[in-house]
Amino acid sequence: MLIVTITQCLNATYKVNKMVDNKYIEILKSMLSIGDLVLLDVYEVDGSRAVGIVTDIYDNMIVYIDKDGQKWRTNIKWVLKIYCSEEITKKFKAQAVKSFEETLENAIINSK
């Protein structure tokens, strides 16, 4: 009897969490647009949270470019903040472009 009750509680908790996630994604998806700078609940190697520029939005996923110029994909529910400041966005884009160019130059030099 106790096991059945615990199982029912866990199932109810799972369903509520799923419902909250879906509602969060629905609300956030309407607010996101391509080119937005977002803070994600995804951790970098150094322990900091990832920041990226949204390049594509589909279903419940986004594709973003991180500070190193690499493209990543993650679920919309991991978006914590959408930055609206143009100054912050410009600095981040410049850093991402610079990192990408350096990586490209190194790849060309190493391939010779």
C-alpha atoms as a PDB file:
ATOM      1  CA  MET A   1       0.000   0.000   0.000  1.00  0.00           C
ATOM      2  CA  LEU A   2       2.800   2.405   0.926  1.00  0.00           C
ATOM      3  CA  ILE A   3       4.720   1.593  -2.269  1.00  0.00           C
ATOM      4  CA  VAL A   4       1.663   2.314  -4.408  1.00  0.00           C
ATOM      5  CA  THR A   5       1.138   5.681  -2.672  1.00  0.00           C
ATOM      6  CA  ILE A   6       4.791   6.679  -3.149  1.00  0.00           C
ATOM      7  CA  THR A   7       4.644   5.673  -6.817  1.00  0.00           C
ATOM      8  CA  GLN A   8       1.471   7.714  -7.331  1.00  0.00           C
ATOM      9  CA  CYS A   9       3.096  10.745  -5.661  1.00  0.00           C
ATOM     10  CA  LEU A  10       6.189  10.440  -7.858  1.00  0.00           C
ATOM     11  CA  ASN A  11       4.030  10.145 -10.978  1.00  0.00           C
ATOM     12  CA  ALA A  12       2.026  13.217  -9.946  1.00  0.00           C
ATOM     13  CA  THR A  13       5.248  15.166  -9.279  1.00  0.00           C
ATOM     14  CA  TYR A  14       6.634  14.170 -12.674  1.00  0.00           C
ATOM     15  CA  LYS A  15       3.433  15.271 -14.425  1.00  0.00           C
ATOM     16  CA  VAL A  16       3.396  18.646 -12.635  1.00  0.00           C
ATOM     17  CA  ASN A  17       7.075  19.246 -13.458  1.00  0.00           C
ATOM     18  CA  LYS A  18       6.463  18.388 -17.106  1.00  0.00           C
ATOM     19  CA  MET A  19       3.453  20.715 -17.223  1.00  0.00           C
ATOM     20  CA  VAL A  20       5.450  23.586 -15.677  1.00  0.00           C
ATOM     21  CA  ASP A  21       8.335  23.005 -18.109  1.00  0.00           C
ATOM     22  CA  ASN A  22       5.980  23.039 -21.086  1.00  0.00           C
ATOM     23  CA  LYS A  23       4.322  26.278 -19.922  1.00  0.00           C
ATOM     24  CA  TYR A  24       7.732  27.908 -19.324  1.00  0.00           C
ATOM     25  CA  ILE A  25       8.890  26.880 -22.809  1.00  0.00           C
ATOM     26  CA  GLU A  26       5.653  28.190 -24.351  1.00  0.00           C
ATOM     27  CA  ILE A  27       6.052  31.598 -22.666  1.00  0.00           C
ATOM     28  CA  LEU A  28       9.796  31.916 -23.290  1.00  0.00           C
ATOM     29  CA  LYS A  29       9.575  30.794 -26.909  1.00  0.00           C
ATOM     30  CA  SER A  30       7.299  33.723 -27.736  1.00  0.00           C
ATOM     31  CA  MET A  31       9.831  36.123 -26.160  1.00  0.00           C
ATOM     32  CA  LEU A  32      12.938  34.770 -27.914  1.00  0.00           C
ATOM     33  CA  SER A  33      14.118  35.889 -31.315  1.00  0.00           C
ATOM     34  CA  ILE A  34      17.157  35.202 -33.460  1.00  0.00           C
ATOM     35  CA  GLY A  35      20.069  37.425 -32.456  1.00  0.00           C
ATOM     36  CA  ASP A  36      19.122  37.592 -28.762  1.00  0.00           C
ATOM     37  CA  LEU A  37      21.899  37.251 -26.217  1.00  0.00           C
ATOM     38  CA  VAL A  38      20.877  34.711 -23.573  1.00  0.00           C
ATOM     39  CA  LEU A  39      22.244  33.392 -20.274  1.00  0.00           C
ATOM     40  CA  LEU A  40      21.835  29.623 -20.015  1.00  0.00           C
ATOM     41  CA  ASP A  41      21.735  27.167 -17.145  1.00  0.00           C
ATOM     42  CA  VAL A  42      24.532  25.275 -18.895  1.00  0.00           C
ATOM     43  CA  TYR A  43      28.007  25.341 -17.387  1.00  0.00           C
ATOM     44  CA  GLU A  44      31.272  26.086 -19.183  1.00  0.00           C
ATOM     45  CA  VAL A  45      34.520  24.247 -18.433  1.00  0.00           C
ATOM     46  CA  ASP A  46      35.583  27.039 -16.052  1.00  0.00           C
ATOM     47  CA  GLY A  47      32.370  26.676 -14.030  1.00  0.00           C
ATOM     48  CA  SER A  48      30.637  29.803 -15.312  1.00  0.00           C
ATOM     49  CA  ARG A  49      27.220  29.729 -16.961  1.00  0.00           C
ATOM     50  CA  ALA A  50      27.126  29.760 -20.751  1.00  0.00           C
ATOM     51  CA  VAL A  51      26.119  32.880 -22.657  1.00  0.00           C
ATOM     52  CA  GLY A  52      25.210  32.723 -26.321  1.00  0.00           C
ATOM     53  CA  ILE A  53      23.579  34.397 -29.286  1.00  0.00           C
ATOM     54  CA  VAL A  54      20.462  32.621 -30.531  1.00  0.00           C
ATOM     55  CA  THR A  55      20.794  31.574 -34.186  1.00  0.00           C
ATOM     56  CA  ASP A  56      17.792  29.275 -34.562  1.00  0.00           C
ATOM     57  CA  ILE A  57      14.603  28.408 -32.678  1.00  0.00           C
ATOM     58  CA  TYR A  58      12.620  25.264 -33.368  1.00  0.00           C
ATOM     59  CA  ASP A  59      10.216  23.092 -31.405  1.00  0.00           C
ATOM     60  CA  ASN A  60      11.493  23.363 -27.822  1.00  0.00           C
ATOM     61  CA  MET A  61      15.166  23.846 -28.751  1.00  0.00           C
ATOM     62  CA  ILE A  62      17.456  26.760 -29.546  1.00  0.00           C
ATOM     63  CA  VAL A  63      20.741  26.832 -31.406  1.00  0.00           C
ATOM     64  CA  TYR A  64      23.240  29.385 -30.106  1.00  0.00           C
ATOM     65  CA  ILE A  65      26.812  30.534 -30.650  1.00  0.00           C
ATOM     66  CA  ASP A  66      28.924  30.699 -27.496  1.00  0.00           C
ATOM     67  CA  LYS A  67      31.755  33.086 -26.603  1.00  0.00           C
ATOM     68  CA  ASP A  68      34.269  30.877 -28.446  1.00  0.00           C
ATOM     69  CA  GLY A  69      32.276  31.043 -31.678  1.00  0.00           C
ATOM     70  CA  GLN A  70      31.088  27.425 -31.437  1.00  0.00           C
ATOM     71  CA  LYS A  71      27.536  26.427 -32.259  1.00  0.00           C
ATOM     72  CA  TRP A  72      25.534  24.516 -29.623  1.00  0.00           C
ATOM     73  CA  ARG A  73      21.976  23.287 -29.218  1.00  0.00           C
ATOM     74  CA  THR A  74      19.968  23.163 -25.987  1.00  0.00           C
ATOM     75  CA  ASN A  75      16.429  23.055 -24.678  1.00  0.00           C
ATOM     76  CA  ILE A  76      14.628  26.397 -24.272  1.00  0.00           C
ATOM     77  CA  LYS A  77      13.922  25.557 -20.630  1.00  0.00           C
ATOM     78  CA  TRP A  78      17.623  26.165 -19.866  1.00  0.00           C
ATOM     79  CA  VAL A  79      17.368  29.865 -20.816  1.00  0.00           C
ATOM     80  CA  LEU A  80      17.668  31.899 -17.618  1.00  0.00           C
ATOM     81  CA  LYS A  81      17.866  35.449 -18.936  1.00  0.00           C
ATOM     82  CA  ILE A  82      17.463  37.371 -22.186  1.00  0.00           C
ATOM     83  CA  TYR A  83      19.767  40.396 -22.374  1.00  0.00           C
ATOM     84  CA  CYS A  84      18.265  43.518 -23.918  1.00  0.00           C
ATOM     85  CA  SER A  85      21.296  45.813 -23.766  1.00  0.00           C
ATOM     86  CA  GLU A  86      22.773  46.506 -27.199  1.00  0.00           C
ATOM     87  CA  GLU A  87      26.132  47.345 -25.640  1.00  0.00           C
ATOM     88  CA  ILE A  88      26.442  43.937 -23.952  1.00  0.00           C
ATOM     89  CA  THR A  89      25.318  42.205 -27.145  1.00  0.00           C
ATOM     90  CA  LYS A  90      27.867  44.075 -29.281  1.00  0.00           C
ATOM     91  CA  LYS A  91      30.730  43.228 -26.899  1.00  0.00           C
ATOM     92  CA  PHE A  92      29.752  39.557 -26.874  1.00  0.00           C
ATOM     93  CA  LYS A  93      29.420  39.395 -30.671  1.00  0.00           C
ATOM     94  CA  ALA A  94      32.848  41.005 -31.084  1.00  0.00           C
ATOM     95  CA  GLN A  95      34.380  38.493 -28.670  1.00  0.00           C
ATOM     96  CA  ALA A  96      32.706  35.537 -30.429  1.00  0.00           C
ATOM     97  CA  VAL A  97      33.854  36.734 -33.871  1.00  0.00           C
ATOM     98  CA  LYS A  98      37.412  37.276 -32.600  1.00  0.00           C
ATOM     99  CA  SER A  99      37.548  33.792 -31.048  1.00  0.00           C
ATOM    100  CA  PHE A 100      36.158  32.213 -34.214  1.00  0.00           C
ATOM    101  CA  GLU A 101      38.704  34.051 -36.404  1.00  0.00           C
ATOM    102  CA  GLU A 102      41.583  32.995 -34.129  1.00  0.00           C
ATOM    103  CA  THR A 103      40.417  29.375 -34.227  1.00  0.00           C
ATOM    104  CA  LEU A 104      40.160  29.534 -38.019  1.00  0.00           C
ATOM    105  CA  GLU A 105      43.646  31.073 -38.350  1.00  0.00           C
ATOM    106  CA  ASN A 106      45.123  28.384 -36.078  1.00  0.00           C
ATOM    107  CA  ALA A 107      43.429  25.645 -38.097  1.00  0.00           C
ATOM    108  CA  ILE A 108      44.828  27.063 -41.336  1.00  0.00           C
ATOM    109  CA  ILE A 109      48.326  27.400 -39.874  1.00  0.00           C
ATOM    110  CA  ASN A 110      48.244  23.872 -38.420  1.00  0.00           C
ATOM    111  CA  SER A 111      47.024  22.342 -41.675  1.00  0.00           C
ATOM    112  CA  LYS A 112      50.107  23.550 -43.581  1.00  0.00           C
END
